[in-house]
Amino acid sequence: MPLYEYHCDACENEFTKRRAIKEADAPLQCPECESQNVTRKLSLFIAFTKSDAGAQNLGSAGSCGCGGACACGGHSFN
């Protein structure tokens, strides 16, 4: 199941949620204020390719490899 990023329009909270693809846009409650005024954000992804030089990061979304969908704080977006 993929991770999706959401934004609460009521309290400005941003959070991630692991959901089935068919549930990505289903109504969701904010874990902070319990509002249902939540929208899904456009998520980034990371891609790797393998060459003679080894693995190469094509879509540098974050240092942990999560694609920017976690709360590790170690992301550098290029």
PDB file of N, CA and C in Angstrom:
ATOM      1  N   MET A   1       0.852  -1.185   0.000  1.00  0.00           N
ATOM      2  CA  MET A   1       0.000   0.000   0.000  1.00  0.00           C
ATOM      3  C   MET A   1       0.894   1.244   0.000  1.00  0.00           C
ATOM      4  N   PRO A   2       0.569   2.208  -0.822  1.00  0.00           N
ATOM      5  CA  PRO A   2       1.380   3.434  -0.875  1.00  0.00           C
ATOM      6  C   PRO A   2       1.059   4.390   0.274  1.00  0.00           C
ATOM      7  N   LEU A   3       2.008   5.283   0.508  1.00  0.00           N
ATOM      8  CA  LEU A   3       1.816   6.369   1.467  1.00  0.00           C
ATOM      9  C   LEU A   3       1.329   7.586   0.707  1.00  0.00           C
ATOM     10  N   TYR A   4       0.344   8.265   1.245  1.00  0.00           N
ATOM     11  CA  TYR A   4      -0.167   9.501   0.655  1.00  0.00           C
ATOM     12  C   TYR A   4       0.031  10.643   1.631  1.00  0.00           C
ATOM     13  N   GLU A   5       0.260  11.843   1.103  1.00  0.00           N
ATOM     14  CA  GLU A   5       0.429  13.037   1.914  1.00  0.00           C
ATOM     15  C   GLU A   5      -0.857  13.845   1.872  1.00  0.00           C
ATOM     16  N   TYR A   6      -1.253  14.365   3.030  1.00  0.00           N
ATOM     17  CA  TYR A   6      -2.490  15.132   3.150  1.00  0.00           C
ATOM     18  C   TYR A   6      -2.235  16.447   3.877  1.00  0.00           C
ATOM     19  N   HIS A   7      -3.119  17.408   3.620  1.00  0.00           N
ATOM     20  CA  HIS A   7      -3.064  18.728   4.257  1.00  0.00           C
ATOM     21  C   HIS A   7      -4.441  19.042   4.831  1.00  0.00           C
ATOM     22  N   CYS A   8      -4.467  19.422   6.099  1.00  0.00           N
ATOM     23  CA  CYS A   8      -5.727  19.821   6.734  1.00  0.00           C
ATOM     24  C   CYS A   8      -5.917  21.313   6.521  1.00  0.00           C
ATOM     25  N   ASP A   9      -7.003  21.692   5.857  1.00  0.00           N
ATOM     26  CA  ASP A   9      -7.272  23.105   5.595  1.00  0.00           C
ATOM     27  C   ASP A   9      -7.729  23.835   6.854  1.00  0.00           C
ATOM     28  N   ALA A  10      -8.186  23.112   7.853  1.00  0.00           N
ATOM     29  CA  ALA A  10      -8.676  23.732   9.082  1.00  0.00           C
ATOM     30  C   ALA A  10      -7.529  24.158  10.009  1.00  0.00           C
ATOM     31  N   CYS A  11      -6.546  23.273  10.218  1.00  0.00           N
ATOM     32  CA  CYS A  11      -5.474  23.582  11.181  1.00  0.00           C
ATOM     33  C   CYS A  11      -4.088  23.636  10.545  1.00  0.00           C
ATOM     34  N   GLU A  12      -4.001  23.476   9.213  1.00  0.00           N
ATOM     35  CA  GLU A  12      -2.747  23.525   8.459  1.00  0.00           C
ATOM     36  C   GLU A  12      -1.814  22.346   8.754  1.00  0.00           C
ATOM     37  N   ASN A  13      -2.297  21.304   9.410  1.00  0.00           N
ATOM     38  CA  ASN A  13      -1.493  20.127   9.699  1.00  0.00           C
ATOM     39  C   ASN A  13      -1.224  19.349   8.410  1.00  0.00           C
ATOM     40  N   GLU A  14      -0.003  18.850   8.257  1.00  0.00           N
ATOM     41  CA  GLU A  14       0.344  17.996   7.135  1.00  0.00           C
ATOM     42  C   GLU A  14       0.733  16.637   7.695  1.00  0.00           C
ATOM     43  N   PHE A  15       0.194  15.574   7.097  1.00  0.00           N
ATOM     44  CA  PHE A  15       0.438  14.238   7.610  1.00  0.00           C
ATOM     45  C   PHE A  15       0.406  13.230   6.481  1.00  0.00           C
ATOM     46  N   THR A  16       0.922  12.036   6.751  1.00  0.00           N
ATOM     47  CA  THR A  16       0.919  10.957   5.774  1.00  0.00           C
ATOM     48  C   THR A  16       0.029   9.831   6.272  1.00  0.00           C
ATOM     49  N   LYS A  17      -0.485   9.075   5.329  1.00  0.00           N
ATOM     50  CA  LYS A  17      -1.376   7.963   5.666  1.00  0.00           C
ATOM     51  C   LYS A  17      -1.156   6.860   4.648  1.00  0.00           C
ATOM     52  N   ARG A  18      -0.986   5.625   5.110  1.00  0.00           N
ATOM     53  CA  ARG A  18      -0.860   4.466   4.234  1.00  0.00           C
ATOM     54  C   ARG A  18      -2.269   3.976   3.918  1.00  0.00           C
ATOM     55  N   ARG A  19      -2.618   4.008   2.623  1.00  0.00           N
ATOM     56  CA  ARG A  19      -3.962   3.620   2.196  1.00  0.00           C
ATOM     57  C   ARG A  19      -3.892   2.881   0.875  1.00  0.00           C
ATOM     58  N   ALA A  20      -4.908   2.085   0.616  1.00  0.00           N
ATOM     59  CA  ALA A  20      -5.023   1.424  -0.683  1.00  0.00           C
ATOM     60  C   ALA A  20      -5.229   2.487  -1.765  1.00  0.00           C
ATOM     61  N   ILE A  21      -4.794   2.203  -2.976  1.00  0.00           N
ATOM     62  CA  ILE A  21      -4.917   3.159  -4.074  1.00  0.00           C
ATOM     63  C   ILE A  21      -6.368   3.586  -4.267  1.00  0.00           C
ATOM     64  N   LYS A  22      -7.295   2.647  -4.182  1.00  0.00           N
ATOM     65  CA  LYS A  22      -8.703   2.986  -4.390  1.00  0.00           C
ATOM     66  C   LYS A  22      -9.265   3.869  -3.276  1.00  0.00           C
ATOM     67  N   GLU A  23      -8.555   4.006  -2.139  1.00  0.00           N
ATOM     68  CA  GLU A  23      -9.000   4.843  -1.026  1.00  0.00           C
ATOM     69  C   GLU A  23      -8.248   6.167  -0.938  1.00  0.00           C
ATOM     70  N   ALA A  24      -7.376   6.448  -1.905  1.00  0.00           N
ATOM     71  CA  ALA A  24      -6.514   7.631  -1.838  1.00  0.00           C
ATOM     72  C   ALA A  24      -7.287   8.931  -1.654  1.00  0.00           C
ATOM     73  N   ASP A  25      -8.425   9.062  -2.321  1.00  0.00           N
ATOM     74  CA  ASP A  25      -9.208  10.297  -2.247  1.00  0.00           C
ATOM     75  C   ASP A  25     -10.473  10.154  -1.405  1.00  0.00           C
ATOM     76  N   ALA A  26     -10.593   9.052  -0.688  1.00  0.00           N
ATOM     77  CA  ALA A  26     -11.754   8.859   0.193  1.00  0.00           C
ATOM     78  C   ALA A  26     -11.678   9.845   1.356  1.00  0.00           C
ATOM     79  N   PRO A  27     -12.806  10.236   1.934  1.00  0.00           N
ATOM     80  CA  PRO A  27     -12.796  11.167   3.067  1.00  0.00           C
ATOM     81  C   PRO A  27     -11.872  10.679   4.183  1.00  0.00           C
ATOM     82  N   LEU A  28     -11.227  11.638   4.819  1.00  0.00           N
ATOM     83  CA  LEU A  28     -10.239  11.335   5.852  1.00  0.00           C
ATOM     84  C   LEU A  28     -10.320  12.396   6.935  1.00  0.00           C
ATOM     85  N   GLN A  29     -10.081  12.002   8.164  1.00  0.00           N
ATOM     86  CA  GLN A  29     -10.136  12.920   9.297  1.00  0.00           C
ATOM     87  C   GLN A  29      -8.715  13.310   9.699  1.00  0.00           C
ATOM     88  N   CYS A  30      -8.483  14.587   9.994  1.00  0.00           N
ATOM     89  CA  CYS A  30      -7.188  15.081  10.448  1.00  0.00           C
ATOM     90  C   CYS A  30      -6.877  14.492  11.828  1.00  0.00           C
ATOM     91  N   PRO A  31      -5.667  13.958  12.018  1.00  0.00           N
ATOM     92  CA  PRO A  31      -5.323  13.393  13.319  1.00  0.00           C
ATOM     93  C   PRO A  31      -5.131  14.449  14.410  1.00  0.00           C
ATOM     94  N   GLU A  32      -4.938  15.710  14.036  1.00  0.00           N
ATOM     95  CA  GLU A  32      -4.747  16.788  15.019  1.00  0.00           C
ATOM     96  C   GLU A  32      -6.058  17.389  15.496  1.00  0.00           C
ATOM     97  N   CYS A  33      -6.862  17.886  14.559  1.00  0.00           N
ATOM     98  CA  CYS A  33      -8.079  18.621  14.934  1.00  0.00           C
ATOM     99  C   CYS A  33      -9.364  17.853  14.637  1.00  0.00           C
ATOM    100  N   GLU A  34      -9.247  16.685  14.006  1.00  0.00           N
ATOM    101  CA  GLU A  34     -10.365  15.817  13.658  1.00  0.00           C
ATOM    102  C   GLU A  34     -11.311  16.397  12.601  1.00  0.00           C
ATOM    103  N   SER A  35     -10.864  17.460  11.920  1.00  0.00           N
ATOM    104  CA  SER A  35     -11.643  18.031  10.827  1.00  0.00           C
ATOM    105  C   SER A  35     -11.623  17.074   9.639  1.00  0.00           C
ATOM    106  N   GLN A  36     -12.668  17.106   8.839  1.00  0.00           N
ATOM    107  CA  GLN A  36     -12.685  16.319   7.611  1.00  0.00           C
ATOM    108  C   GLN A  36     -12.419  17.198   6.392  1.00  0.00           C
ATOM    109  N   ASN A  37     -11.951  18.415   6.620  1.00  0.00           N
ATOM    110  CA  ASN A  37     -11.593  19.339   5.558  1.00  0.00           C
ATOM    111  C   ASN A  37     -10.128  19.085   5.166  1.00  0.00           C
ATOM    112  N   VAL A  38      -9.860  17.902   4.592  1.00  0.00           N
ATOM    113  CA  VAL A  38      -8.514  17.426   4.284  1.00  0.00           C
ATOM    114  C   VAL A  38      -8.390  17.218   2.780  1.00  0.00           C
ATOM    115  N   THR A  39      -7.259  17.637   2.209  1.00  0.00           N
ATOM    116  CA  THR A  39      -6.997  17.432   0.787  1.00  0.00           C
ATOM    117  C   THR A  39      -5.696  16.652   0.618  1.00  0.00           C
ATOM    118  N   ARG A  40      -5.657  15.843  -0.434  1.00  0.00           N
ATOM    119  CA  ARG A  40      -4.445  15.077  -0.725  1.00  0.00           C
ATOM    120  C   ARG A  40      -3.471  15.965  -1.473  1.00  0.00           C
ATOM    121  N   LYS A  41      -2.200  15.918  -1.084  1.00  0.00           N
ATOM    122  CA  LYS A  41      -1.146  16.693  -1.728  1.00  0.00           C
ATOM    123  C   LYS A  41      -0.520  15.884  -2.859  1.00  0.00           C
ATOM    124  N   LEU A  42       0.134  16.568  -3.764  1.00  0.00           N
ATOM    125  CA  LEU A  42       0.901  15.912  -4.805  1.00  0.00           C
ATOM    126  C   LEU A  42       2.170  15.377  -4.169  1.00  0.00           C
ATOM    127  N   SER A  43       2.404  14.086  -4.258  1.00  0.00           N
ATOM    128  CA  SER A  43       3.556  13.456  -3.625  1.00  0.00           C
ATOM    129  C   SER A  43       4.710  13.306  -4.599  1.00  0.00           C
ATOM    130  N   LEU A  44       5.916  13.347  -4.059  1.00  0.00           N
ATOM    131  CA  LEU A  44       7.122  13.113  -4.843  1.00  0.00           C
ATOM    132  C   LEU A  44       7.464  11.633  -4.794  1.00  0.00           C
ATOM    133  N   PHE A  45       8.294  11.199  -5.701  1.00  0.00           N
ATOM    134  CA  PHE A  45       8.740   9.816  -5.705  1.00  0.00           C
ATOM    135  C   PHE A  45      10.228   9.788  -5.979  1.00  0.00           C
ATOM    136  N   ILE A  46      10.827   8.647  -5.797  1.00  0.00           N
ATOM    137  CA  ILE A  46      12.253   8.494  -6.052  1.00  0.00           C
ATOM    138  C   ILE A  46      12.441   7.345  -7.039  1.00  0.00           C
ATOM    139  N   ALA A  47      13.384   7.502  -7.939  1.00  0.00           N
ATOM    140  CA  ALA A  47      13.636   6.466  -8.938  1.00  0.00           C
ATOM    141  C   ALA A  47      15.123   6.145  -8.980  1.00  0.00           C
ATOM    142  N   PHE A  48      15.451   4.888  -9.137  1.00  0.00           N
ATOM    143  CA  PHE A  48      16.836   4.454  -9.237  1.00  0.00           C
ATOM    144  C   PHE A  48      17.034   3.717 -10.550  1.00  0.00           C
ATOM    145  N   THR A  49      18.242   3.807 -11.072  1.00  0.00           N
ATOM    146  CA  THR A  49      18.613   3.033 -12.241  1.00  0.00           C
ATOM    147  C   THR A  49      19.964   2.405 -11.956  1.00  0.00           C
ATOM    148  N   LYS A  50      20.241   1.304 -12.573  1.00  0.00           N
ATOM    149  CA  LYS A  50      21.514   0.633 -12.359  1.00  0.00           C
ATOM    150  C   LYS A  50      22.332   0.695 -13.643  1.00  0.00           C
ATOM    151  N   SER A  51      23.580   1.082 -13.505  1.00  0.00           N
ATOM    152  CA  SER A  51      24.488   1.159 -14.647  1.00  0.00           C
ATOM    153  C   SER A  51      25.803   0.487 -14.270  1.00  0.00           C
ATOM    154  N   ASP A  52      26.794   0.584 -15.127  1.00  0.00           N
ATOM    155  CA  ASP A  52      28.109   0.023 -14.822  1.00  0.00           C
ATOM    156  C   ASP A  52      28.724   0.689 -13.595  1.00  0.00           C
ATOM    157  N   ALA A  53      28.363   1.927 -13.343  1.00  0.00           N
ATOM    158  CA  ALA A  53      28.898   2.667 -12.202  1.00  0.00           C
ATOM    159  C   ALA A  53      28.151   2.340 -10.909  1.00  0.00           C
ATOM    160  N   GLY A  54      27.097   1.522 -10.980  1.00  0.00           N
ATOM    161  CA  GLY A  54      26.316   1.183  -9.788  1.00  0.00           C
ATOM    162  C   GLY A  54      24.984   1.896  -9.818  1.00  0.00           C
ATOM    163  N   ALA A  55      24.293   1.860  -8.700  1.00  0.00           N
ATOM    164  CA  ALA A  55      22.975   2.495  -8.604  1.00  0.00           C
ATOM    165  C   ALA A  55      23.110   4.003  -8.670  1.00  0.00           C
ATOM    166  N   GLN A  56      22.217   4.634  -9.396  1.00  0.00           N
ATOM    167  CA  GLN A  56      22.210   6.086  -9.527  1.00  0.00           C
ATOM    168  C   GLN A  56      20.836   6.591  -9.146  1.00  0.00           C
ATOM    169  N   ASN A  57      20.808   7.614  -8.327  1.00  0.00           N
ATOM    170  CA  ASN A  57      19.552   8.210  -7.888  1.00  0.00           C
ATOM    171  C   ASN A  57      19.105   9.214  -8.936  1.00  0.00           C
ATOM    172  N   LEU A  58      17.963   8.974  -9.584  1.00  0.00           N
ATOM    173  CA  LEU A  58      17.455   9.862 -10.625  1.00  0.00           C
ATOM    174  C   LEU A  58      16.507  10.925 -10.092  1.00  0.00           C
ATOM    175  N   GLY A  59      15.793  10.637  -9.027  1.00  0.00           N
ATOM    176  CA  GLY A  59      14.793  11.559  -8.507  1.00  0.00           C
ATOM    177  C   GLY A  59      15.042  11.839  -7.054  1.00  0.00           C
ATOM    178  N   SER A  60      16.045  12.616  -6.739  1.00  0.00           N
ATOM    179  CA  SER A  60      16.482  12.822  -5.365  1.00  0.00           C
ATOM    180  C   SER A  60      15.399  13.454  -4.512  1.00  0.00           C
ATOM    181  N   ALA A  61      14.558  12.633  -3.930  1.00  0.00           N
ATOM    182  CA  ALA A  61      13.476  13.133  -3.092  1.00  0.00           C
ATOM    183  C   ALA A  61      13.882  13.191  -1.641  1.00  0.00           C
ATOM    184  N   GLY A  62      14.777  12.330  -1.204  1.00  0.00           N
ATOM    185  CA  GLY A  62      15.167  12.354   0.196  1.00  0.00           C
ATOM    186  C   GLY A  62      16.284  11.387   0.491  1.00  0.00           C
ATOM    187  N   SER A  63      16.993  11.644   1.553  1.00  0.00           N
ATOM    188  CA  SER A  63      18.142  10.830   1.895  1.00  0.00           C
ATOM    189  C   SER A  63      17.754   9.466   2.422  1.00  0.00           C
ATOM    190  N   CYS A  64      16.550   9.296   2.918  1.00  0.00           N
ATOM    191  CA  CYS A  64      16.156   7.995   3.471  1.00  0.00           C
ATOM    192  C   CYS A  64      15.526   7.101   2.414  1.00  0.00           C
ATOM    193  N   GLY A  65      15.240   7.612   1.223  1.00  0.00           N
ATOM    194  CA  GLY A  65      14.679   6.797   0.164  1.00  0.00           C
ATOM    195  C   GLY A  65      13.174   6.614   0.234  1.00  0.00           C
ATOM    196  N   CYS A  66      12.513   7.364   1.088  1.00  0.00           N
ATOM    197  CA  CYS A  66      11.065   7.186   1.239  1.00  0.00           C
ATOM    198  C   CYS A  66      10.285   7.955   0.185  1.00  0.00           C
ATOM    199  N   GLY A  67      10.956   8.792  -0.582  1.00  0.00           N
ATOM    200  CA  GLY A  67      10.250   9.589  -1.571  1.00  0.00           C
ATOM    201  C   GLY A  67       9.629  10.833  -0.975  1.00  0.00           C
ATOM    202  N   GLY A  68      10.054  11.216   0.217  1.00  0.00           N
ATOM    203  CA  GLY A  68       9.525  12.417   0.860  1.00  0.00           C
ATOM    204  C   GLY A  68       8.237  12.186   1.608  1.00  0.00           C
ATOM    205  N   ALA A  69       7.857  10.932   1.815  1.00  0.00           N
ATOM    206  CA  ALA A  69       6.567  10.643   2.438  1.00  0.00           C
ATOM    207  C   ALA A  69       6.684  10.270   3.911  1.00  0.00           C
ATOM    208  N   CYS A  70       7.826  10.507   4.525  1.00  0.00           N
ATOM    209  CA  CYS A  70       7.929  10.184   5.950  1.00  0.00           C
ATOM    210  C   CYS A  70       8.247  11.448   6.741  1.00  0.00           C
ATOM    211  N   ALA A  71       8.388  11.319   8.018  1.00  0.00           N
ATOM    212  CA  ALA A  71       8.659  12.468   8.881  1.00  0.00           C
ATOM    213  C   ALA A  71      10.087  12.454   9.397  1.00  0.00           C
ATOM    214  N   CYS A  72      11.018  11.928   8.610  1.00  0.00           N
ATOM    215  CA  CYS A  72      12.399  11.804   9.087  1.00  0.00           C
ATOM    216  C   CYS A  72      13.109  13.155   9.145  1.00  0.00           C
ATOM    217  N   GLY A  73      12.653  14.140   8.370  1.00  0.00           N
ATOM    218  CA  GLY A  73      13.276  15.454   8.386  1.00  0.00           C
ATOM    219  C   GLY A  73      14.577  15.535   7.617  1.00  0.00           C
ATOM    220  N   GLY A  74      15.013  14.453   6.990  1.00  0.00           N
ATOM    221  CA  GLY A  74      16.294  14.441   6.297  1.00  0.00           C
ATOM    222  C   GLY A  74      16.169  14.641   4.801  1.00  0.00           C
ATOM    223  N   HIS A  75      15.139  15.288   4.343  1.00  0.00           N
ATOM    224  CA  HIS A  75      14.916  15.422   2.907  1.00  0.00           C
ATOM    225  C   HIS A  75      15.548  16.689   2.365  1.00  0.00           C
ATOM    226  N   SER A  76      16.211  16.543   1.229  1.00  0.00           N
ATOM    227  CA  SER A  76      16.732  17.702   0.500  1.00  0.00           C
ATOM    228  C   SER A  76      16.174  17.608  -0.900  1.00  0.00           C
ATOM    229  N   PHE A  77      15.302  18.507  -1.267  1.00  0.00           N
ATOM    230  CA  PHE A  77      14.656  18.471  -2.567  1.00  0.00           C
ATOM    231  C   PHE A  77      15.454  19.299  -3.552  1.00  0.00           C
ATOM    232  N   ASN A  78      15.746  18.726  -4.713  1.00  0.00           N
ATOM    233  CA  ASN A  78      16.529  19.425  -5.745  1.00  0.00           C
ATOM    234  C   ASN A  78      15.615  19.963  -6.807  1.00  0.00           C
TER     235      ASN A  78
END
